[in-house]
Protein backbone atom coordinates (compact mmCIF):
# COMPACT_ATOMS: atom_id res chain seq x y z
CA MET A 1 60.85 8.67 -56.33
CA SER A 2 59.72 6.66 -53.30
CA PRO A 3 57.31 3.74 -53.92
CA GLU A 4 55.06 5.35 -51.32
CA THR A 5 54.65 8.48 -53.48
CA SER A 6 51.29 8.33 -55.23
CA THR A 7 51.02 9.29 -58.87
CA THR A 8 47.22 9.00 -59.06
CA SER A 9 44.45 10.02 -56.69
CA GLU A 10 41.45 8.00 -55.54
CA TYR A 11 39.08 10.30 -57.41
CA GLY A 12 37.45 9.47 -60.72
CA ILE A 13 33.85 8.42 -60.05
CA VAL A 14 31.48 11.00 -61.50
CA GLY A 15 28.70 11.86 -59.08
CA VAL A 16 27.87 10.21 -55.76
CA ARG A 17 28.98 6.60 -55.64
CA ASP A 18 26.12 4.14 -55.59
CA ILE A 19 25.93 1.67 -52.72
CA ASP A 20 25.19 -1.15 -55.17
CA PHE A 21 28.85 -1.91 -55.76
CA SER A 22 32.01 -2.03 -53.70
CA LEU A 23 35.42 -0.74 -54.73
CA ASP A 24 38.49 -2.10 -52.97
CA ARG A 25 42.10 -1.06 -53.54
CA PHE A 26 45.22 -3.09 -52.76
CA ALA A 27 48.85 -2.02 -52.58
CA PRO A 28 51.28 -3.88 -54.84
CA ALA A 29 54.26 -5.87 -53.64
CA LEU A 30 57.20 -3.61 -52.80
CA ASP A 31 59.36 -4.96 -55.61
CA LEU A 32 56.70 -3.88 -58.14
CA ALA A 33 55.64 -0.62 -56.52
CA HIS A 34 57.86 1.45 -58.82
CA LEU A 35 55.74 0.23 -61.75
CA VAL A 36 52.33 -0.60 -60.27
CA GLU A 37 50.26 2.03 -58.47
CA ARG A 38 47.70 -0.40 -57.08
CA HIS A 39 45.40 -3.33 -57.73
CA TRP A 40 41.65 -2.82 -57.54
CA LEU A 41 38.48 -4.87 -57.40
CA VAL A 42 34.94 -3.75 -58.19
CA SER A 43 32.21 -6.22 -57.18
CA TRP A 44 28.43 -6.09 -57.11
CA GLU A 45 25.33 -8.13 -56.39
CA LEU A 46 22.05 -6.82 -57.78
CA PRO A 47 18.56 -8.33 -57.62
CA GLU A 48 17.48 -10.23 -60.71
CA GLY A 49 16.24 -7.95 -63.46
CA ARG A 50 17.92 -4.84 -62.10
CA ALA A 51 20.82 -3.01 -63.72
CA ALA A 52 22.89 -0.05 -62.57
CA SER A 53 25.74 2.01 -63.95
CA VAL A 54 28.75 4.00 -62.85
CA THR A 55 30.43 6.78 -64.81
CA LEU A 56 34.18 7.18 -64.57
CA LEU A 57 36.67 9.87 -65.51
CA GLY A 58 39.89 7.95 -65.87
CA HIS A 59 43.48 8.53 -64.84
CA PRO A 60 46.58 8.87 -67.06
CA CYS A 61 47.35 5.21 -66.50
CA VAL A 62 47.29 1.93 -68.35
CA ASN A 63 45.32 -0.82 -66.60
CA LEU A 64 45.44 -4.58 -66.94
CA VAL A 65 41.76 -5.52 -66.56
CA LEU A 66 40.07 -8.89 -66.04
CA ASP A 67 36.38 -8.63 -66.94
CA GLY A 68 34.19 -11.59 -67.78
CA GLY A 69 37.17 -13.90 -68.02
CA VAL A 70 38.91 -11.72 -70.61
CA LEU A 71 42.21 -10.01 -69.78
CA ASN A 72 42.66 -6.67 -71.53
CA VAL A 73 45.29 -3.95 -71.62
CA ALA A 74 43.21 -0.78 -71.29
CA GLY A 75 44.73 2.50 -72.42
CA ILE A 76 43.87 5.95 -71.14
CA GLY A 77 40.30 7.01 -71.84
CA LEU A 78 40.12 10.64 -72.89
CA GLY A 79 36.44 11.09 -72.05
CA ARG A 80 33.88 9.78 -69.61
CA PHE A 81 33.21 6.05 -69.52
CA THR A 82 29.96 4.49 -68.29
CA TYR A 83 29.99 0.87 -67.13
CA VAL A 84 26.65 -0.92 -66.86
CA TYR A 85 26.48 -3.82 -64.42
CA LYS A 86 23.79 -6.31 -63.41
CA GLY A 87 23.41 -9.58 -61.58
CA VAL A 88 26.46 -10.72 -59.65
CA GLY A 89 29.93 -9.94 -60.90
CA ARG A 90 33.33 -8.43 -60.43
CA VAL A 91 36.08 -6.68 -62.37
CA PHE A 92 39.71 -6.90 -61.26
CA GLY A 93 42.43 -4.56 -62.41
CA THR A 94 46.08 -3.65 -62.01
CA LYS A 95 46.79 0.04 -62.44
CA PHE A 96 50.28 0.90 -63.65
CA ARG A 97 51.93 4.15 -62.68
CA PRO A 98 51.83 6.79 -65.42
CA GLY A 99 54.61 5.98 -67.86
CA ALA A 100 55.42 2.63 -66.27
CA PHE A 101 53.71 0.44 -68.86
CA HIS A 102 55.87 1.70 -71.71
CA PRO A 103 58.77 -0.70 -71.01
CA PHE A 104 56.34 -3.64 -71.14
CA LEU A 105 54.75 -2.38 -74.35
CA GLY A 106 57.93 -1.39 -76.16
CA SER A 107 56.19 1.24 -78.30
CA PRO A 108 54.55 4.64 -77.69
CA VAL A 109 51.75 4.36 -75.14
CA SER A 110 49.82 6.94 -77.16
CA GLY A 111 48.94 4.01 -79.42
CA LEU A 112 46.72 2.70 -76.61
CA THR A 113 45.00 6.00 -75.84
CA ASP A 114 41.21 5.69 -76.09
CA SER A 115 41.86 2.09 -77.06
CA GLY A 116 43.46 -1.10 -75.82
CA MET A 117 44.26 -4.67 -76.73
CA LEU A 118 43.88 -8.20 -75.51
CA ALA A 119 46.70 -9.09 -73.15
CA GLU A 120 47.24 -12.12 -75.38
CA GLN A 121 48.13 -9.80 -78.27
CA LEU A 122 51.00 -8.41 -76.23
CA TRP A 123 52.20 -11.45 -74.32
CA GLY A 124 50.91 -14.38 -76.37
CA PRO A 125 49.37 -17.65 -75.09
CA PRO A 126 50.73 -17.24 -71.52
CA ALA A 127 48.41 -14.24 -71.08
CA ALA A 128 45.43 -16.28 -72.25
CA ALA A 129 46.40 -19.02 -69.81
CA LEU A 130 46.67 -16.46 -67.02
CA ALA A 131 43.19 -15.11 -67.77
CA ALA A 132 41.69 -18.61 -67.75
CA SER A 133 43.25 -19.36 -64.37
CA MET A 134 42.11 -16.17 -62.63
CA THR A 135 38.96 -17.46 -60.96
CA GLY A 136 39.86 -17.39 -57.28
CA PRO A 137 39.65 -14.79 -54.51
CA VAL A 138 41.27 -11.41 -54.98
CA GLU A 139 44.37 -12.35 -52.99
CA GLU A 140 45.06 -15.12 -55.52
CA LEU A 141 44.43 -12.78 -58.44
CA ILE A 142 47.02 -10.35 -57.10
CA THR A 143 49.57 -13.13 -56.59
CA GLN A 144 48.98 -14.44 -60.12
CA VAL A 145 49.29 -11.06 -61.83
CA GLU A 146 52.35 -10.06 -59.84
CA GLY A 147 54.05 -13.36 -60.65
CA PHE A 148 53.24 -12.88 -64.33
CA LEU A 149 54.70 -9.36 -64.32
CA ARG A 150 57.84 -10.41 -62.41
CA ALA A 151 58.58 -12.99 -65.08
CA ARG A 152 58.48 -10.22 -67.68
CA LEU A 153 60.10 -7.32 -65.85
CA PRO A 154 61.77 -4.95 -68.30
CA GLU A 155 65.19 -3.42 -67.81
CA PRO A 156 65.15 -0.31 -65.59
CA ASP A 157 64.31 2.81 -67.58
CA PRO A 158 65.35 6.17 -66.09
CA GLN A 159 62.67 7.91 -68.15
CA VAL A 160 59.98 6.06 -66.19
CA GLU A 161 61.39 7.52 -62.98
CA LEU A 162 61.45 11.02 -64.49
CA VAL A 163 57.88 10.76 -65.74
CA GLY A 164 56.79 9.51 -62.34
CA ARG A 165 58.33 12.49 -60.56
CA ILE A 166 56.74 14.93 -62.98
CA VAL A 167 53.30 13.34 -62.67
CA ALA A 168 53.55 13.22 -58.87
CA ASP A 169 54.22 16.97 -58.86
CA LEU A 170 51.30 17.59 -61.22
CA LEU A 171 49.07 15.69 -58.81
CA HIS A 172 50.24 17.09 -55.50
CA ASP A 173 51.65 20.58 -56.11
CA ARG A 174 48.94 23.24 -56.48
CA THR A 175 51.54 25.85 -57.46
CA ILE A 176 51.86 24.12 -60.84
CA THR A 177 49.21 25.71 -63.02
CA ARG A 178 50.86 25.58 -66.46
CA VAL A 179 53.10 23.25 -68.40
CA ASP A 180 55.73 26.02 -68.37
CA ASP A 181 56.01 25.46 -64.62
CA VAL A 182 57.06 21.86 -65.31
CA VAL A 183 59.54 22.98 -67.96
CA SER A 184 61.19 25.33 -65.46
CA ARG A 185 61.17 22.97 -62.51
CA PHE A 186 62.63 19.97 -64.33
CA ASP A 187 64.77 21.96 -66.76
CA ILE A 188 63.38 20.06 -69.71
CA PRO A 189 62.69 21.64 -73.13
CA PRO A 190 58.97 21.86 -74.00
CA ARG A 191 59.22 19.69 -77.11
CA ARG A 192 61.13 16.99 -75.28
CA LEU A 193 58.54 17.05 -72.50
CA GLN A 194 55.72 16.60 -75.02
CA ARG A 195 57.52 13.72 -76.75
CA LEU A 196 58.30 12.09 -73.41
CA PHE A 197 54.66 12.15 -72.34
CA SER A 198 53.38 10.98 -75.71
CA ARG A 199 55.74 8.02 -75.68
CA TYR A 200 55.54 7.04 -72.02
CA VAL A 201 52.18 8.29 -70.70
CA GLY A 202 50.02 8.45 -73.81
CA VAL A 203 48.68 11.97 -73.29
CA SER A 204 50.18 15.44 -72.93
CA PRO A 205 51.33 16.96 -69.62
CA LYS A 206 48.62 19.61 -70.04
CA TRP A 207 46.00 16.87 -70.25
CA VAL A 208 47.33 15.23 -67.06
CA LEU A 209 47.33 18.53 -65.17
CA ARG A 210 43.79 19.37 -66.28
CA ARG A 211 42.46 15.88 -65.55
CA TYR A 212 43.84 15.83 -62.01
CA ARG A 213 42.41 19.27 -61.24
CA LEU A 214 39.01 18.29 -62.64
CA HIS A 215 39.03 15.06 -60.62
CA GLU A 216 39.44 17.09 -57.46
CA ALA A 217 36.93 19.74 -58.49
CA ALA A 218 34.28 17.10 -59.17
CA ALA A 219 34.97 15.39 -55.84
CA ARG A 220 34.73 18.64 -53.89
CA LEU A 221 31.50 19.72 -55.56
CA ALA A 222 30.00 16.27 -54.96
CA GLU A 223 30.83 16.40 -51.26
CA GLU A 224 30.34 20.12 -50.54
CA HIS A 225 27.22 21.10 -52.47
CA ASP A 226 27.09 24.62 -51.05
CA ARG A 227 30.71 25.52 -51.82
CA PRO A 228 30.89 28.31 -54.42
CA TRP A 229 32.30 26.66 -57.51
CA ALA A 230 34.41 29.73 -58.28
CA GLU A 231 36.14 29.27 -54.92
CA VAL A 232 36.91 25.64 -55.74
CA ALA A 233 38.21 26.65 -59.16
CA GLY A 234 40.54 29.26 -57.68
CA GLU A 235 41.97 26.82 -55.14
CA LEU A 236 42.80 24.44 -57.98
CA GLY A 237 44.63 27.05 -60.04
CA TYR A 238 41.83 28.11 -62.36
CA PHE A 239 41.91 31.89 -62.35
CA ASP A 240 39.74 32.25 -65.44
CA GLN A 241 36.22 31.18 -64.47
CA SER A 242 35.04 30.73 -68.05
CA HIS A 243 38.02 28.44 -68.66
CA PHE A 244 37.06 26.32 -65.66
CA ILE A 245 33.41 26.10 -66.74
CA ARG A 246 34.46 25.06 -70.23
CA ASP A 247 36.90 22.38 -69.04
CA PHE A 248 34.53 21.06 -66.37
CA THR A 249 31.55 20.85 -68.71
CA ALA A 250 33.58 19.10 -71.40
CA ALA A 251 34.85 16.49 -68.94
CA ILE A 252 31.79 15.93 -66.73
CA GLY A 253 28.99 16.68 -69.17
CA MET A 254 27.35 19.48 -67.19
CA THR A 255 28.26 22.81 -65.62
CA PRO A 256 29.71 22.95 -62.09
CA VAL A 257 26.41 24.32 -60.70
CA ALA A 258 24.33 21.64 -62.41
CA TYR A 259 26.75 18.93 -61.26
CA ALA A 260 26.63 20.01 -57.61
CA ARG A 261 22.84 20.02 -57.71
CA ALA A 262 22.72 16.61 -59.39
CA CYS A 263 25.03 15.16 -56.72
CA GLN A 264 22.85 16.63 -53.99
CA ARG A 265 19.74 15.01 -55.50
CA GLN A 266 21.53 11.70 -55.95
CA GLU A 267 22.77 11.72 -52.37
CA ALA A 268 19.27 12.46 -51.07
CA ALA A 269 17.82 9.62 -53.14
CA LEU A 270 20.40 7.15 -51.84
CA SER A 271 19.67 8.09 -48.23
CA THR A 272 15.93 7.42 -48.46
C-alpha cells in the first residue's frame, strides 16, 4: 500500500465546527508514513470565563496525545467523546494508521479500546522525558515525536500492510457493504479476519465499516441540510432505512432529521 493512500478520513467532528478553535493536520515524514497517518494540532484562545466544547466520533486508530503536559496512548473510543476547553491551550497528537500501533504495543490493540495508558507505562522514563520536553512550536513537536518513534521502530510486520489495505478499501470503496465482501476480496476466512482486526486494530471490521459510513453521513447532513437523509443512506450502502436510523442515532445521539436541523441552527448561530 502506498504511503499516500489514506486509511482515515478528515471527518469526525459532530455538528458544525465552532470557530473558537483551529484544527491543523500535518503529514508525517516519508519513512514513517507506513505507520503514521498524520500529526494534528488543536489550539484555542477563549475570553476569560468562557468555555466551549467539541464532540468527536473517533476513527479506528490509536493516537499518541500530548494534553496538558501529559503524553498518553489513546485507544479507539467506541462512542462519542466531548472535549471541554477554555482559556488558551492546545492538544497535539500523532495518529497511527489502523493496525500500525500493534507492533509498538506488542499485545492485542483491543486492550486499549475505550481506554488508554500513559506513554510512560509503555516506553518507560524516556516517554516521560519526551513529554516534559514538548513545549515548543508544532514543528518541533513533530520532530521530537518522529525521532522518538524512529528510535523504537519495530520489525516490519506484513499483517500491518494487510490490515492497512483492508481498511483503505473499507474507507474508499462504496461497493463494500458487508464484511462478507472483505472476506471474498481478500480471500481471508471470516474468523481469521475477526482475530486479525481484534489484535491489530482493536475493533471488528464491521465496526470500522459502519463508523466510516456514519462519519460521511454526518458530514453530508451537516453540510447539505436539505438533502433527503434516505438518499444519503442509500449512497453509503444502507438499503434498510430503519437500520441506518438505528446506527446513526446510536452513534450521533439523535436521528438524521434532528441532526440536520441542529446543524442548520448551529450554522445560523455562528454566522450572526
